Amino acid sequence: MAQHVFHLQAHWPGGRNDSGTIETKNLQTTVSIPPEMDGPGIGTNPDEMLLGAAATCYIITLAAMMERSKIEKIDLTMESEGIVDVTNGVITYQKIIHRPVVTIKHDPSKDFSTIIQKLAIKAEHSCMISRALKGNVEVNVFLTIKKQ
């Protein structure tokens, strides 16, 4: 069994509507509450960071699965959105929606569409961030396949 430990330093010198900083080995940024939640909107925020973690984990997992399946892609892009519900003052990260777009070479003799569809679903179930969110945040994937 291998364990990987990641470290983060956080500094928050002020109150609710101020900003702070976080620093990891490869990330240094300012954070605050987003303006959508009546915050100052300075730097990024926990909602964007959770969405970023889920999106990058998913797209890396999908790319690795396609590579292992010997599917050569021309490009892989994705748009993701996070939906946060505020009801009676309770803030709940409700849903994440990924919209990956896989561009592959058009080859009538090899149609990988069905395999890519299966991998898109499998990647969502295999991504460690999706697994960490399971039962708390719904994650949906809507795949588009383009052939060039």
N, C-alpha and C. Protein backbone atom coordinates (compact mmCIF):
# COMPACT_ATOMS: atom_id res chain seq x y z
N MET A 1 0.84 -1.18 0.00
CA MET A 1 0.00 0.00 0.00
C MET A 1 0.89 1.24 0.00
N ALA A 2 0.57 2.17 -0.84
CA ALA A 2 1.30 3.44 -0.89
C ALA A 2 0.37 4.56 -0.44
N GLN A 3 0.92 5.48 0.30
CA GLN A 3 0.17 6.67 0.68
C GLN A 3 0.91 7.88 0.16
N HIS A 4 0.15 8.83 -0.33
CA HIS A 4 0.72 10.08 -0.80
C HIS A 4 0.16 11.19 0.09
N VAL A 5 1.01 12.04 0.56
CA VAL A 5 0.60 13.12 1.45
C VAL A 5 0.82 14.44 0.72
N PHE A 6 -0.21 15.25 0.69
CA PHE A 6 -0.14 16.57 0.07
C PHE A 6 -0.32 17.61 1.18
N HIS A 7 0.42 18.70 1.08
CA HIS A 7 0.39 19.73 2.12
C HIS A 7 -0.14 21.04 1.56
N LEU A 8 -0.83 21.78 2.40
CA LEU A 8 -1.34 23.09 2.05
C LEU A 8 -1.19 24.00 3.26
N GLN A 9 -0.71 25.20 3.02
CA GLN A 9 -0.63 26.23 4.06
C GLN A 9 -1.70 27.27 3.73
N ALA A 10 -2.50 27.63 4.71
CA ALA A 10 -3.53 28.65 4.52
C ALA A 10 -3.30 29.79 5.50
N HIS A 11 -3.58 31.00 5.04
CA HIS A 11 -3.45 32.18 5.89
C HIS A 11 -4.68 33.06 5.66
N TRP A 12 -5.41 33.37 6.74
CA TRP A 12 -6.62 34.18 6.65
C TRP A 12 -6.56 35.24 7.75
N PRO A 13 -5.98 36.41 7.46
CA PRO A 13 -5.77 37.40 8.51
C PRO A 13 -7.00 38.20 8.92
N GLY A 14 -8.05 38.19 8.09
CA GLY A 14 -9.20 39.05 8.37
C GLY A 14 -10.46 38.30 8.73
N GLY A 15 -11.59 38.93 8.42
CA GLY A 15 -12.90 38.36 8.70
C GLY A 15 -13.54 37.77 7.45
N ARG A 16 -14.85 37.57 7.51
CA ARG A 16 -15.58 36.90 6.44
C ARG A 16 -15.36 37.53 5.07
N ASN A 17 -15.41 38.84 4.97
CA ASN A 17 -15.34 39.50 3.67
C ASN A 17 -13.95 40.00 3.32
N ASP A 18 -12.96 39.38 3.89
CA ASP A 18 -11.58 39.68 3.53
C ASP A 18 -11.07 38.58 2.62
N SER A 19 -9.78 38.56 2.40
CA SER A 19 -9.19 37.52 1.58
C SER A 19 -8.00 36.91 2.32
N GLY A 20 -7.62 35.74 1.85
CA GLY A 20 -6.47 35.06 2.42
C GLY A 20 -5.66 34.44 1.30
N THR A 21 -4.75 33.59 1.69
CA THR A 21 -3.91 32.93 0.69
C THR A 21 -3.81 31.45 1.01
N ILE A 22 -3.57 30.68 -0.04
CA ILE A 22 -3.21 29.28 0.14
C ILE A 22 -1.96 29.03 -0.68
N GLU A 23 -1.19 28.05 -0.21
CA GLU A 23 0.04 27.70 -0.92
C GLU A 23 0.27 26.20 -0.79
N THR A 24 0.50 25.59 -1.94
CA THR A 24 0.90 24.19 -1.98
C THR A 24 2.23 24.14 -2.72
N LYS A 25 2.71 22.95 -2.99
CA LYS A 25 3.98 22.81 -3.70
C LYS A 25 3.94 23.52 -5.05
N ASN A 26 2.81 23.42 -5.76
CA ASN A 26 2.73 23.96 -7.12
C ASN A 26 1.64 25.00 -7.32
N LEU A 27 1.05 25.50 -6.25
CA LEU A 27 -0.04 26.48 -6.38
C LEU A 27 0.06 27.50 -5.27
N GLN A 28 0.01 28.75 -5.67
CA GLN A 28 -0.04 29.86 -4.72
C GLN A 28 -1.11 30.81 -5.22
N THR A 29 -2.12 31.08 -4.40
CA THR A 29 -3.19 31.95 -4.87
C THR A 29 -3.90 32.62 -3.71
N THR A 30 -4.59 33.69 -4.05
CA THR A 30 -5.44 34.40 -3.11
C THR A 30 -6.83 33.78 -3.16
N VAL A 31 -7.48 33.72 -2.02
CA VAL A 31 -8.83 33.15 -1.94
C VAL A 31 -9.75 34.07 -1.15
N SER A 32 -11.02 34.02 -1.52
CA SER A 32 -12.05 34.74 -0.77
C SER A 32 -13.39 34.14 -1.12
N ILE A 33 -14.40 34.67 -0.51
CA ILE A 33 -15.77 34.24 -0.81
C ILE A 33 -16.16 34.87 -2.15
N PRO A 34 -16.79 34.11 -3.05
CA PRO A 34 -17.15 34.67 -4.36
C PRO A 34 -18.26 35.71 -4.25
N PRO A 35 -18.34 36.61 -5.23
CA PRO A 35 -19.38 37.64 -5.18
C PRO A 35 -20.79 37.05 -5.23
N GLU A 36 -20.95 35.86 -5.84
CA GLU A 36 -22.26 35.23 -5.87
C GLU A 36 -22.78 34.92 -4.47
N MET A 37 -21.86 34.83 -3.51
CA MET A 37 -22.23 34.54 -2.13
C MET A 37 -21.95 35.75 -1.23
N ASP A 38 -22.04 36.92 -1.85
CA ASP A 38 -21.86 38.20 -1.15
C ASP A 38 -20.47 38.37 -0.55
N GLY A 39 -19.47 37.84 -1.24
CA GLY A 39 -18.09 38.02 -0.82
C GLY A 39 -17.38 39.00 -1.73
N PRO A 40 -16.13 39.29 -1.44
CA PRO A 40 -15.39 40.27 -2.23
C PRO A 40 -14.92 39.76 -3.60
N GLY A 41 -14.90 38.46 -3.80
CA GLY A 41 -14.50 37.92 -5.11
C GLY A 41 -13.05 38.17 -5.46
N ILE A 42 -12.18 38.11 -4.47
CA ILE A 42 -10.75 38.33 -4.70
C ILE A 42 -10.09 36.96 -4.88
N GLY A 43 -9.42 36.77 -6.00
CA GLY A 43 -8.77 35.49 -6.26
C GLY A 43 -9.79 34.41 -6.55
N THR A 44 -9.43 33.19 -6.23
CA THR A 44 -10.34 32.07 -6.45
C THR A 44 -11.12 31.81 -5.16
N ASN A 45 -11.89 30.74 -5.16
CA ASN A 45 -12.71 30.43 -3.99
C ASN A 45 -12.85 28.91 -3.87
N PRO A 46 -13.32 28.43 -2.74
CA PRO A 46 -13.44 26.98 -2.56
C PRO A 46 -14.32 26.30 -3.61
N ASP A 47 -15.35 26.99 -4.08
CA ASP A 47 -16.24 26.40 -5.07
C ASP A 47 -15.52 26.14 -6.39
N GLU A 48 -14.74 27.12 -6.83
CA GLU A 48 -13.96 26.95 -8.06
C GLU A 48 -12.87 25.89 -7.87
N MET A 49 -12.27 25.85 -6.69
CA MET A 49 -11.20 24.88 -6.47
C MET A 49 -11.75 23.45 -6.44
N LEU A 50 -12.93 23.25 -5.85
CA LEU A 50 -13.53 21.92 -5.86
C LEU A 50 -13.88 21.52 -7.29
N LEU A 51 -14.43 22.45 -8.06
CA LEU A 51 -14.75 22.18 -9.46
C LEU A 51 -13.47 21.88 -10.24
N GLY A 52 -12.41 22.64 -9.99
CA GLY A 52 -11.14 22.40 -10.66
C GLY A 52 -10.55 21.05 -10.32
N ALA A 53 -10.65 20.64 -9.06
CA ALA A 53 -10.14 19.32 -8.66
C ALA A 53 -10.92 18.22 -9.35
N ALA A 54 -12.25 18.34 -9.37
CA ALA A 54 -13.09 17.32 -10.01
C ALA A 54 -12.83 17.27 -11.52
N ALA A 55 -12.73 18.44 -12.15
CA ALA A 55 -12.55 18.49 -13.61
C ALA A 55 -11.19 17.96 -14.03
N THR A 56 -10.13 18.38 -13.35
CA THR A 56 -8.80 17.92 -13.75
C THR A 56 -8.62 16.43 -13.47
N CYS A 57 -9.16 15.96 -12.37
CA CYS A 57 -9.08 14.52 -12.07
C CYS A 57 -9.81 13.73 -13.16
N TYR A 58 -11.00 14.19 -13.52
CA TYR A 58 -11.79 13.49 -14.54
C TYR A 58 -11.08 13.48 -15.90
N ILE A 59 -10.61 14.63 -16.37
CA ILE A 59 -10.04 14.70 -17.72
C ILE A 59 -8.73 13.91 -17.80
N ILE A 60 -7.94 13.93 -16.74
CA ILE A 60 -6.70 13.14 -16.71
C ILE A 60 -7.03 11.65 -16.71
N THR A 61 -8.03 11.26 -15.94
CA THR A 61 -8.43 9.85 -15.88
C THR A 61 -8.95 9.39 -17.24
N LEU A 62 -9.78 10.20 -17.89
CA LEU A 62 -10.30 9.85 -19.22
C LEU A 62 -9.17 9.73 -20.23
N ALA A 63 -8.24 10.67 -20.22
CA ALA A 63 -7.10 10.62 -21.16
C ALA A 63 -6.27 9.36 -20.93
N ALA A 64 -6.03 9.00 -19.68
CA ALA A 64 -5.24 7.80 -19.37
C ALA A 64 -5.97 6.54 -19.83
N MET A 65 -7.27 6.50 -19.63
CA MET A 65 -8.05 5.33 -20.06
C MET A 65 -8.06 5.19 -21.58
N MET A 66 -8.17 6.31 -22.28
CA MET A 66 -8.14 6.27 -23.74
C MET A 66 -6.77 5.80 -24.22
N GLU A 67 -5.72 6.26 -23.58
CA GLU A 67 -4.36 5.86 -23.95
C GLU A 67 -4.17 4.35 -23.74
N ARG A 68 -4.62 3.85 -22.58
CA ARG A 68 -4.51 2.42 -22.32
C ARG A 68 -5.35 1.58 -23.29
N SER A 69 -6.42 2.16 -23.81
CA SER A 69 -7.28 1.46 -24.78
C SER A 69 -6.79 1.64 -26.21
N LYS A 70 -5.64 2.30 -26.36
CA LYS A 70 -5.02 2.52 -27.68
C LYS A 70 -5.91 3.35 -28.61
N ILE A 71 -6.64 4.30 -28.02
CA ILE A 71 -7.46 5.22 -28.81
C ILE A 71 -6.67 6.50 -28.98
N GLU A 72 -6.29 6.80 -30.20
CA GLU A 72 -5.53 8.01 -30.47
C GLU A 72 -6.49 9.17 -30.65
N LYS A 73 -6.31 10.15 -29.84
CA LYS A 73 -7.16 11.33 -29.94
C LYS A 73 -6.40 12.47 -30.59
N ILE A 74 -7.13 13.32 -31.26
CA ILE A 74 -6.53 14.55 -31.79
C ILE A 74 -6.55 15.61 -30.70
N ASP A 75 -7.65 15.62 -29.93
CA ASP A 75 -7.77 16.63 -28.88
C ASP A 75 -8.78 16.16 -27.84
N LEU A 76 -8.64 16.68 -26.64
CA LEU A 76 -9.59 16.43 -25.56
C LEU A 76 -9.74 17.73 -24.79
N THR A 77 -10.93 18.28 -24.81
CA THR A 77 -11.22 19.52 -24.09
C THR A 77 -12.45 19.27 -23.21
N MET A 78 -12.71 20.18 -22.30
CA MET A 78 -13.87 19.99 -21.45
C MET A 78 -14.29 21.29 -20.82
N GLU A 79 -15.58 21.46 -20.69
CA GLU A 79 -16.16 22.53 -19.89
C GLU A 79 -16.87 21.85 -18.73
N SER A 80 -16.74 22.43 -17.56
CA SER A 80 -17.40 21.89 -16.38
C SER A 80 -18.10 23.02 -15.65
N GLU A 81 -19.17 22.67 -14.96
CA GLU A 81 -19.83 23.67 -14.13
C GLU A 81 -20.21 23.05 -12.80
N GLY A 82 -20.15 23.87 -11.77
CA GLY A 82 -20.54 23.46 -10.43
C GLY A 82 -21.80 24.19 -10.05
N ILE A 83 -22.73 23.48 -9.47
CA ILE A 83 -24.00 24.08 -9.07
C ILE A 83 -24.08 24.02 -7.55
N VAL A 84 -24.21 25.22 -6.96
CA VAL A 84 -24.26 25.36 -5.52
C VAL A 84 -25.64 25.89 -5.15
N ASP A 85 -26.29 25.22 -4.23
CA ASP A 85 -27.63 25.60 -3.78
C ASP A 85 -27.53 26.31 -2.43
N VAL A 86 -28.28 27.39 -2.31
CA VAL A 86 -28.38 28.07 -1.02
C VAL A 86 -29.86 28.11 -0.65
N THR A 87 -30.21 27.34 0.36
CA THR A 87 -31.59 27.28 0.84
C THR A 87 -31.59 27.53 2.33
N ASN A 88 -32.35 28.54 2.74
CA ASN A 88 -32.46 28.91 4.16
C ASN A 88 -31.09 29.11 4.80
N GLY A 89 -30.17 29.72 4.06
CA GLY A 89 -28.85 30.01 4.59
C GLY A 89 -27.89 28.83 4.60
N VAL A 90 -28.35 27.66 4.15
CA VAL A 90 -27.49 26.48 4.10
C VAL A 90 -26.93 26.35 2.69
N ILE A 91 -25.61 26.35 2.58
CA ILE A 91 -24.94 26.28 1.28
C ILE A 91 -24.55 24.83 1.02
N THR A 92 -25.00 24.30 -0.13
CA THR A 92 -24.72 22.91 -0.47
C THR A 92 -24.18 22.83 -1.89
N TYR A 93 -23.01 22.23 -2.04
CA TYR A 93 -22.46 21.96 -3.38
C TYR A 93 -23.26 20.79 -3.92
N GLN A 94 -24.16 21.08 -4.84
CA GLN A 94 -25.16 20.12 -5.25
C GLN A 94 -24.74 19.22 -6.41
N LYS A 95 -24.11 19.81 -7.44
CA LYS A 95 -23.89 19.04 -8.66
C LYS A 95 -22.69 19.57 -9.43
N ILE A 96 -22.00 18.65 -10.09
CA ILE A 96 -20.93 19.00 -11.04
C ILE A 96 -21.29 18.36 -12.37
N ILE A 97 -21.17 19.14 -13.42
CA ILE A 97 -21.46 18.65 -14.77
C ILE A 97 -20.21 18.83 -15.61
N HIS A 98 -19.72 17.72 -16.18
CA HIS A 98 -18.59 17.75 -17.09
C HIS A 98 -19.11 17.57 -18.51
N ARG A 99 -18.55 18.33 -19.43
CA ARG A 99 -18.89 18.21 -20.84
C ARG A 99 -17.61 18.01 -21.66
N PRO A 100 -17.07 16.79 -21.63
CA PRO A 100 -15.85 16.54 -22.40
C PRO A 100 -16.15 16.46 -23.90
N VAL A 101 -15.20 16.93 -24.69
CA VAL A 101 -15.27 16.83 -26.15
C VAL A 101 -14.01 16.12 -26.60
N VAL A 102 -14.19 14.94 -27.17
CA VAL A 102 -13.08 14.13 -27.66
C VAL A 102 -13.07 14.24 -29.18
N THR A 103 -11.95 14.65 -29.73
CA THR A 103 -11.79 14.72 -31.18
C THR A 103 -10.87 13.59 -31.60
N ILE A 104 -11.38 12.75 -32.48
CA ILE A 104 -10.59 11.62 -32.99
C ILE A 104 -10.54 11.69 -34.51
N LYS A 105 -9.59 10.99 -35.07
CA LYS A 105 -9.44 10.94 -36.52
C LYS A 105 -10.57 10.11 -37.12
N HIS A 106 -11.19 10.62 -38.15
CA HIS A 106 -12.27 9.89 -38.82
C HIS A 106 -11.67 8.71 -39.58
N ASP A 107 -12.09 7.52 -39.17
CA ASP A 107 -11.61 6.29 -39.81
C ASP A 107 -12.80 5.34 -39.89
N PRO A 108 -13.42 5.21 -41.08
CA PRO A 108 -14.61 4.37 -41.21
C PRO A 108 -14.37 2.92 -40.80
N SER A 109 -13.13 2.46 -40.86
CA SER A 109 -12.85 1.06 -40.52
C SER A 109 -12.74 0.85 -39.01
N LYS A 110 -12.59 1.94 -38.25
CA LYS A 110 -12.46 1.84 -36.80
C LYS A 110 -13.37 2.87 -36.14
N ASP A 111 -14.48 2.42 -35.61
CA ASP A 111 -15.37 3.34 -34.91
C ASP A 111 -15.21 3.12 -33.41
N PHE A 112 -14.56 4.06 -32.75
CA PHE A 112 -14.30 3.96 -31.33
C PHE A 112 -15.37 4.64 -30.48
N SER A 113 -16.44 5.13 -31.10
CA SER A 113 -17.45 5.90 -30.37
C SER A 113 -18.02 5.17 -29.16
N THR A 114 -18.38 3.90 -29.34
CA THR A 114 -18.97 3.14 -28.23
C THR A 114 -17.97 2.96 -27.10
N ILE A 115 -16.73 2.67 -27.44
CA ILE A 115 -15.69 2.50 -26.42
C ILE A 115 -15.46 3.81 -25.67
N ILE A 116 -15.40 4.91 -26.42
CA ILE A 116 -15.17 6.22 -25.78
C ILE A 116 -16.33 6.56 -24.85
N GLN A 117 -17.56 6.26 -25.26
CA GLN A 117 -18.73 6.50 -24.40
C GLN A 117 -18.58 5.72 -23.09
N LYS A 118 -18.18 4.46 -23.18
CA LYS A 118 -18.00 3.64 -21.98
C LYS A 118 -16.88 4.17 -21.10
N LEU A 119 -15.79 4.61 -21.73
CA LEU A 119 -14.67 5.16 -20.97
C LEU A 119 -15.05 6.47 -20.28
N ALA A 120 -15.88 7.28 -20.93
CA ALA A 120 -16.31 8.55 -20.33
C ALA A 120 -17.07 8.30 -19.04
N ILE A 121 -17.89 7.27 -19.02
CA ILE A 121 -18.64 6.92 -17.80
C ILE A 121 -17.69 6.29 -16.77
N LYS A 122 -16.84 5.38 -17.23
CA LYS A 122 -15.91 4.70 -16.33
C LYS A 122 -14.95 5.70 -15.67
N ALA A 123 -14.51 6.70 -16.42
CA ALA A 123 -13.59 7.71 -15.87
C ALA A 123 -14.24 8.46 -14.71
N GLU A 124 -15.52 8.75 -14.83
CA GLU A 124 -16.21 9.46 -13.75
C GLU A 124 -16.27 8.59 -12.50
N HIS A 125 -16.49 7.28 -12.65
CA HIS A 125 -16.55 6.37 -11.51
C HIS A 125 -15.17 6.06 -10.95
N SER A 126 -14.13 6.22 -11.77
CA SER A 126 -12.77 5.86 -11.35
C SER A 126 -11.98 7.03 -10.77
N CYS A 127 -12.31 8.23 -11.14
CA CYS A 127 -11.59 9.42 -10.66
C CYS A 127 -11.68 9.50 -9.14
N MET A 128 -10.54 9.69 -8.47
CA MET A 128 -10.56 9.68 -7.01
C MET A 128 -11.34 10.85 -6.42
N ILE A 129 -11.39 11.98 -7.12
CA ILE A 129 -12.16 13.11 -6.60
C ILE A 129 -13.66 12.80 -6.71
N SER A 130 -14.08 12.24 -7.83
CA SER A 130 -15.49 11.83 -7.97
C SER A 130 -15.86 10.82 -6.89
N ARG A 131 -14.96 9.89 -6.63
CA ARG A 131 -15.23 8.89 -5.58
C ARG A 131 -15.33 9.56 -4.21
N ALA A 132 -14.50 10.57 -3.97
CA ALA A 132 -14.53 11.28 -2.68
C ALA A 132 -15.84 12.06 -2.51
N LEU A 133 -16.38 12.53 -3.61
CA LEU A 133 -17.62 13.32 -3.56
C LEU A 133 -18.87 12.45 -3.54
N LYS A 134 -18.73 11.18 -3.93
CA LYS A 134 -19.88 10.28 -4.09
C LYS A 134 -20.77 10.27 -2.84
N GLY A 135 -22.05 10.40 -3.07
CA GLY A 135 -23.01 10.42 -1.98
C GLY A 135 -23.28 11.82 -1.46
N ASN A 136 -22.45 12.78 -1.85
CA ASN A 136 -22.62 14.16 -1.41
C ASN A 136 -22.88 15.12 -2.57
N VAL A 137 -22.18 14.91 -3.68
CA VAL A 137 -22.30 15.79 -4.84
C VAL A 137 -22.57 14.92 -6.06
N GLU A 138 -23.63 15.22 -6.77
CA GLU A 138 -23.95 14.48 -8.00
C GLU A 138 -22.98 14.92 -9.09
N VAL A 139 -22.43 13.96 -9.83
CA VAL A 139 -21.53 14.28 -10.94
C VAL A 139 -22.12 13.67 -12.20
N ASN A 140 -22.32 14.51 -13.22
CA ASN A 140 -22.86 14.07 -14.51
C ASN A 140 -21.85 14.34 -15.62
N VAL A 141 -21.87 13.48 -16.64
CA VAL A 141 -20.97 13.63 -17.78
C VAL A 141 -21.80 13.60 -19.06
N PHE A 142 -21.59 14.58 -19.92
CA PHE A 142 -22.24 14.64 -21.22
C PHE A 142 -21.14 14.73 -22.28
N LEU A 143 -20.87 13.61 -22.94
CA LEU A 143 -19.76 13.48 -23.88
C LEU A 143 -20.16 13.90 -25.27
N THR A 144 -19.24 14.56 -25.97
CA THR A 144 -19.37 14.85 -27.40
C THR A 144 -18.14 14.25 -28.08
N ILE A 145 -18.37 13.52 -29.17
CA ILE A 145 -17.27 12.96 -29.94
C ILE A 145 -17.28 13.64 -31.30
N LYS A 146 -16.14 14.21 -31.68
CA LYS A 146 -15.97 14.84 -33.00
C LYS A 146 -15.00 14.00 -33.80
N LYS A 147 -15.29 13.87 -35.08
CA LYS A 147 -14.39 13.13 -35.97
C LYS A 147 -13.86 14.07 -37.04
N GLN A 148 -12.54 14.03 -37.21
CA GLN A 148 -11.91 14.89 -38.23
C GLN A 148 -11.23 14.03 -39.26
